[in-house]
Structure formats: C-alpha cells, structure tokens
Amino acid sequence: MLRCPKCGKKYPDGANFCEDCGKRLIPVQQRPPQQKNPGKPSKNSSTKNILIGIIILVVMITVATCIFILSKPKNTEKGSVSSDSETSVKSASVTSESTTVTPAPTRKPISDNTEDQKVSASDITISRVDKRPADLNGYEKAQVSSAGETSAIVQEGYNNKAEVTVDGKDETSWQEGVSGDGIGERIWFNLDRPYEIKYLSFKLGNWRDENNYIVNNRPSKLKITVGDVVATVEYPDVQEEFYVALSQPYSASLVDIRIEGVYKGTQWDDTCIAEVGIYGK
C-alpha cells in the first residue's frame, strides 16, 4: 500500500486517483528511480581530480625550471654578453688571470752604504775643509725665512742682530751683547723648507775693515747643530772664509750656531760673526 502525497491516505497499487482528496496518483511502474545524493560527485572522484592537478602543477614547475637553467648565459661575469666572440675573449681573460702566479718578492742584498738607507744623525760628522769645496756649485744656497739670537749689542746707527749674517754684506755682523766674551751665546736660522744640507760657510769676526777685525773678539770654536746632527769645529785666527762639510747630506730646516771659544780682541770683548752660508739641495 502507498500513501497519497497530498493527504497521506493509503491507496492500493494501480489506483489513479486518491479516493479521499482526489489527487491524481502516479503508478508505481512510472515513477523515476530515486538517486542517492543526485548531482553530488563521489569522494573517490574528487580525490582523483586533486591528484591530477598536483601532478600537472609539478610538471609545469619542472619544465619552467629546466627552461630557465638552459637559457641562462654561461658567462657569469658582471655585465651582459653581447656576442659569442666577446664571451670567448672574457673567458680566456678570466682563465689567464686565474692561472697567473705572482712571484715572491726578492730581498735586496745588504749593502754597507746604500743610497735609499736612512742615515742616522749619530753617524754623520761635521768637519772643516781647507778650501772651497769643488762641488759647492752643485748645491743651492738655502733661503732663510727668519733668524734669531740670544743677545745683540745695541749700537746707534748699526744693526747687530743675527739677520745681518745672511744679508751678503761683509761690513755687517752679528755682535753678541752680554758682558764678557760671549761664550755660550747663539744664533739660529729657520730655513724656508727642509734642505739636504751638505756645507756651511763662515766669515768670523767683524769684517767691516781690518782694524775692526782686530779690535773685536773672533770665535775660535763653534758648536754647529744641523737638525739632529751636532758637532764642535775649531778655526784658526785668520780673516778668511771657512767651510765645513757634513760627511753625508742631512735633511734639516733649522741650523743653530753656538760660541764655544774666542780669540780676544785688542779693544772690545764683543764676539762677532760677519756672514753665514748654508748649502743644500
């Protein structure tokens, strides 16, 4: 027995209308077969589709990676590759540079007197030479930017400071101004730049004339300082230009002269120096 879909009353098989409400009934043999969950895909079908999609994605990624690797230029140097010939030249250059072997530096033989070896001040001597050095013209007379003294006698109408010893005039001279013989008094010269100093020249005493030379004191011994080189040099009591030489040129921009001994004048005890020359390169 089946039930009417409208009123729910049971009716026998083969009935065309409900006896209670009159609704037209569909025979059993004409009813469409019922489907379980119509239109809904099965779980097996969905899983299969997901797997197929994953496989396709993996294949696409693999193919894209292979294309990228194969299309990448072999030359990895900075900059783009313009042609096959340029690539070959760069590759050859890289190979050549990578196989170049830098030779180990060779040690110079040790020499007792090499020009490039720095000379210590303690190794240099200063001594008087008998006459004008033959190679003096090969050196430049240093320019003095300033000169100073520990003392100078004040004399009306005369400049007796250290600066006059580099004015090129024999008639002017530095005359120390302390009481006594002036031993220990100094003059110094600041040069316009460092020079490789080799020679110094001196006109000792007052050279204004022969009489002034005799009546004033003259240095008999001078302590000479050239940079860090220090030496004491003695001089004879004659009115002539003296030269002293450094055993090797020494770079300096300051020269200092100190009175260490004197020849007594017949009238005055002022010790004088007329001219000083400094020669270097």
Foldseek 3Di string as FASTA:
>chain_A
DAADPPPGHDDDAPDQADPPPGHGDDHPVPDDDDDDPPPDDDPVVVVVVVVVVVVVVVVVVVVVVVVVVVPDDPDPDPDDDDDPVSSVVVVVVVVVVVPDDDDDDDDDDDDPDDPPDDDDLVVKDKEWDPDDDPCQVVWDWFAFPDKAWPAAADDPPADQTPVQQAVPDLQHKHWGHDPAQQAFIKMKTFTPAKFQWWKKKFQWFRVNDPLRRQQEKTAQKKWKDFPPHTDIYGDDSDGDMIMMTMPGGDIGRMMMIGRHGIDHHPHDSITITRHMTIIGD
